[in-house]
Amino acid sequence: MLDKLVKEHIILGIDPGTLYMGYALLHTYGSKVDILDFGVYDVHKLEDQYARLQREFFFLQELIDKYHPSILAIESQFVDKNPQTMIKIVHAQGVAIAAALSKDVPIQEYSPMKIKMAITGNGHASKEQVAGMLQHFFHISEDAMPKKMDATDALGIAYCHYLQLGTPLREKGAKDWTTFAKKRGLIEKQTSTPNERLRAMLHNKK
């Protein structure tokens, strides 16, 4: 019954970067969610920064034309100790947003803390913890896990947006992430720290 009430979505998640851009596409329908594609677009061999941004722009347009996403979910601006690094990331964010706008795709931004909170229940979780939880959610084999976490970061952004739709959290009366995760056996009731939750999750996977 739930599936009939919830609209189908294709979510494009982007982890912006000027050398490596993570991307992920999720197909969702009600409580069902599947990975269409995810990976890293590598432009680090190009010396000119604007050439790299141009390649990313065209690549994103191609992805949009291929999958016709209903939304672009992207990590919002973050503060870095190195101003030059922050500026480059903002450039990459702008390119991704411009590519989506050029194809009339709506945009939703999420802060790094919100993404981590949505996936792990802890806004200060590490990239490894986020990747581990996503691997468990989607039953991704070790061989299929990407070497660069830009890809799992993008998958986390896309899945964060999916969680905001409210679909999984409405199942069987679950009202929040913790309840949902406990019902799925992703975390144990007695665990408290992020590392303990991750170890419990990995133990359940075996």
Protein backbone atom coordinates (compact mmCIF):
# COMPACT_ATOMS: atom_id res chain seq x y z
CA MET A 1 0.00 0.00 0.00
CA LEU A 2 2.83 2.36 0.89
CA ASP A 3 4.48 2.00 -2.53
CA LYS A 4 1.29 3.20 -4.23
CA LEU A 5 1.25 6.35 -2.11
CA VAL A 6 4.85 7.41 -2.66
CA LYS A 7 6.09 8.94 -5.88
CA GLU A 8 8.92 7.37 -7.84
CA HIS A 9 12.21 9.26 -7.73
CA ILE A 10 15.60 9.17 -9.36
CA ILE A 11 18.08 10.94 -7.11
CA LEU A 12 21.43 12.20 -8.35
CA GLY A 13 23.90 12.66 -5.51
CA ILE A 14 27.07 14.66 -6.12
CA ASP A 15 30.17 15.01 -3.97
CA PRO A 16 31.86 18.00 -5.65
CA GLY A 17 35.60 18.12 -6.17
CA THR A 18 37.99 19.65 -8.65
CA LEU A 19 40.14 16.51 -9.08
CA TYR A 20 37.65 13.74 -8.32
CA MET A 21 33.88 14.15 -8.38
CA GLY A 22 31.79 11.51 -6.69
CA TYR A 23 28.41 10.71 -8.21
CA ALA A 24 25.57 8.33 -7.39
CA LEU A 25 22.13 7.65 -8.80
CA LEU A 26 19.36 6.02 -6.78
CA HIS A 27 16.05 4.76 -8.10
CA THR A 28 13.41 4.89 -5.38
CA TYR A 29 9.80 3.81 -5.24
CA GLY A 30 8.13 3.85 -1.88
CA SER A 31 10.23 1.81 0.53
CA LYS A 32 12.33 0.33 -2.29
CA VAL A 33 15.64 1.89 -3.26
CA ASP A 34 18.23 0.60 -5.74
CA ILE A 35 21.58 1.90 -6.98
CA LEU A 36 21.50 2.71 -10.69
CA ASP A 37 25.10 3.84 -10.85
CA PHE A 38 27.83 5.30 -8.66
CA GLY A 39 31.50 6.04 -8.95
CA VAL A 40 34.09 8.76 -9.36
CA TYR A 41 34.68 11.02 -12.34
CA ASP A 42 38.44 11.52 -12.50
CA VAL A 43 39.85 14.72 -14.02
CA HIS A 44 43.04 15.00 -11.97
CA LYS A 45 45.30 14.45 -14.98
CA LEU A 46 44.16 17.72 -16.56
CA GLU A 47 46.48 20.51 -15.49
CA ASP A 48 44.14 23.44 -16.16
CA GLN A 49 41.56 23.85 -13.38
CA TYR A 50 38.99 25.37 -15.72
CA ALA A 51 39.37 22.49 -18.15
CA ARG A 52 38.63 20.13 -15.25
CA LEU A 53 35.51 22.08 -14.34
CA GLN A 54 34.38 22.06 -17.95
CA ARG A 55 34.77 18.28 -18.18
CA GLU A 56 32.76 17.85 -14.99
CA PHE A 57 30.02 20.12 -16.34
CA PHE A 58 29.67 18.11 -19.54
CA PHE A 59 29.84 14.79 -17.67
CA LEU A 60 27.00 15.83 -15.38
CA GLN A 61 24.90 16.92 -18.31
CA GLU A 62 25.44 13.49 -19.86
CA LEU A 63 24.42 11.78 -16.62
CA ILE A 64 21.27 13.88 -16.44
CA ASP A 65 20.39 13.13 -20.06
CA LYS A 66 20.90 9.40 -19.44
CA TYR A 67 19.03 8.97 -16.15
CA HIS A 68 16.66 11.98 -16.03
CA PRO A 69 16.96 12.54 -12.26
CA SER A 70 14.11 14.26 -10.45
CA ILE A 71 16.51 15.99 -8.04
CA LEU A 72 20.18 16.85 -7.60
CA ALA A 73 21.29 16.35 -4.00
CA ILE A 74 24.63 17.98 -3.27
CA GLU A 75 26.80 18.65 -0.26
CA SER A 76 26.57 22.29 0.76
CA GLN A 77 29.51 24.62 1.25
CA PHE A 78 31.85 23.73 4.06
CA VAL A 79 34.54 25.70 5.90
CA ASP A 80 38.13 24.56 5.37
CA LYS A 81 41.27 25.82 7.05
CA ASN A 82 42.82 26.34 3.62
CA PRO A 83 40.96 29.17 1.80
CA GLN A 84 42.25 28.01 -1.59
CA THR A 85 40.85 24.53 -1.06
CA MET A 86 37.50 25.95 -0.03
CA ILE A 87 37.37 28.18 -3.10
CA LYS A 88 38.09 25.25 -5.42
CA ILE A 89 35.35 23.16 -3.83
CA VAL A 90 32.91 26.04 -4.18
CA HIS A 91 33.81 26.24 -7.88
CA ALA A 92 33.02 22.53 -8.26
CA GLN A 93 29.73 22.98 -6.40
CA GLY A 94 28.82 25.83 -8.71
CA VAL A 95 29.56 23.73 -11.79
CA ALA A 96 27.35 20.89 -10.54
CA ILE A 97 24.53 23.31 -9.72
CA ALA A 98 24.87 25.01 -13.11
CA ALA A 99 24.73 21.65 -14.92
CA ALA A 100 21.52 20.76 -13.08
CA LEU A 101 19.97 24.15 -13.74
CA SER A 102 20.83 23.88 -17.43
CA LYS A 103 18.66 20.74 -17.52
CA ASP A 104 15.89 22.11 -15.27
CA VAL A 105 16.72 19.66 -12.46
CA PRO A 106 15.76 20.90 -8.97
CA ILE A 107 18.55 21.14 -6.39
CA GLN A 108 18.68 20.28 -2.70
CA GLU A 109 21.74 21.01 -0.55
CA TYR A 110 22.69 19.14 2.61
CA SER A 111 25.37 19.98 5.14
CA PRO A 112 28.08 17.37 5.83
CA MET A 113 26.80 17.01 9.39
CA LYS A 114 23.22 16.38 8.28
CA ILE A 115 24.37 13.74 5.78
CA LYS A 116 26.42 11.90 8.42
CA MET A 117 23.57 12.13 10.90
CA ALA A 118 21.11 10.69 8.38
CA ILE A 119 23.33 7.73 7.52
CA THR A 120 24.96 6.84 10.86
CA GLY A 121 22.98 8.69 13.51
CA ASN A 122 26.11 10.70 14.35
CA GLY A 123 26.87 14.06 12.76
CA HIS A 124 30.58 13.65 13.42
CA ALA A 125 30.99 10.18 11.92
CA SER A 126 34.02 9.44 9.76
CA LYS A 127 33.92 8.79 6.02
CA GLU A 128 34.77 5.16 6.77
CA GLN A 129 31.76 4.82 9.05
CA VAL A 130 29.46 6.33 6.43
CA ALA A 131 30.87 4.00 3.77
CA GLY A 132 30.46 0.99 6.05
CA MET A 133 26.82 1.73 6.76
CA LEU A 134 26.06 2.28 3.07
CA GLN A 135 27.81 -0.97 2.17
CA HIS A 136 25.51 -2.72 4.63
CA PHE A 137 22.33 -0.94 3.46
CA PHE A 138 22.89 -1.81 -0.19
CA HIS A 139 24.62 -5.19 0.28
CA ILE A 140 27.68 -4.05 -1.68
CA SER A 141 30.42 -6.66 -1.86
CA GLU A 142 33.98 -5.80 -0.90
CA ASP A 143 35.07 -6.18 -4.52
CA ALA A 144 32.41 -3.74 -5.70
CA MET A 145 33.25 -1.08 -3.12
CA PRO A 146 35.02 1.87 -4.81
CA LYS A 147 38.57 2.64 -3.74
CA LYS A 148 37.89 6.37 -3.47
CA MET A 149 35.38 7.52 -0.90
CA ASP A 150 34.19 10.34 -3.14
CA ALA A 151 31.83 7.70 -4.58
CA THR A 152 30.44 6.57 -1.22
CA ASP A 153 30.20 10.21 -0.14
CA ALA A 154 27.98 10.86 -3.17
CA LEU A 155 25.94 7.74 -2.40
CA GLY A 156 25.49 9.01 1.14
CA ILE A 157 24.26 12.37 -0.14
CA ALA A 158 21.72 10.69 -2.41
CA TYR A 159 20.57 8.35 0.36
CA CYS A 160 20.31 11.28 2.78
CA HIS A 161 17.83 12.89 0.41
CA TYR A 162 15.91 9.62 0.16
CA LEU A 163 15.62 9.54 3.95
CA GLN A 164 14.25 13.08 3.93
CA LEU A 165 11.36 11.82 1.80
CA GLY A 166 10.28 10.02 4.96
CA THR A 167 9.55 6.68 3.32
CA PRO A 168 11.72 4.30 5.38
CA LEU A 169 10.95 6.07 8.64
CA ARG A 170 7.20 5.62 8.22
CA GLU A 171 7.47 1.84 8.05
CA LYS A 172 5.90 -0.01 10.99
CA GLY A 173 5.58 3.13 13.08
CA ALA A 174 9.26 4.05 13.13
CA LYS A 175 9.58 7.73 13.98
CA ASP A 176 13.28 8.43 13.74
CA TRP A 177 16.61 7.08 12.45
CA THR A 178 17.46 5.26 15.68
CA THR A 179 14.15 3.40 15.71
CA PHE A 180 14.49 2.51 12.04
CA ALA A 181 18.07 1.31 12.47
CA LYS A 182 17.22 -0.81 15.51
CA LYS A 183 14.33 -2.43 13.67
CA ARG A 184 16.73 -3.37 10.87
CA GLY A 185 19.43 -4.61 13.25
CA LEU A 186 21.85 -1.94 12.02
CA ILE A 187 22.69 -0.85 15.56
CA GLU A 188 22.35 -2.53 18.91
CA LYS A 189 20.35 -0.91 21.68
CA GLN A 190 23.23 -1.04 24.12
CA THR A 191 25.82 0.62 21.84
CA SER A 192 26.52 4.32 22.22
CA THR A 193 29.58 5.48 20.29
CA PRO A 194 29.88 5.64 16.47
CA ASN A 195 32.69 3.07 16.47
CA GLU A 196 30.63 0.68 18.55
CA ARG A 197 27.65 1.07 16.23
CA LEU A 198 29.83 0.41 13.19
CA ARG A 199 31.41 -2.67 14.76
CA ALA A 200 27.94 -3.98 15.66
CA MET A 201 26.71 -3.38 12.12
CA LEU A 202 29.71 -5.18 10.59
CA HIS A 203 29.24 -8.07 13.02
CA ASN A 204 25.59 -8.42 11.97
CA LYS A 205 26.66 -8.50 8.33
CA LYS A 206 28.71 -11.68 8.81
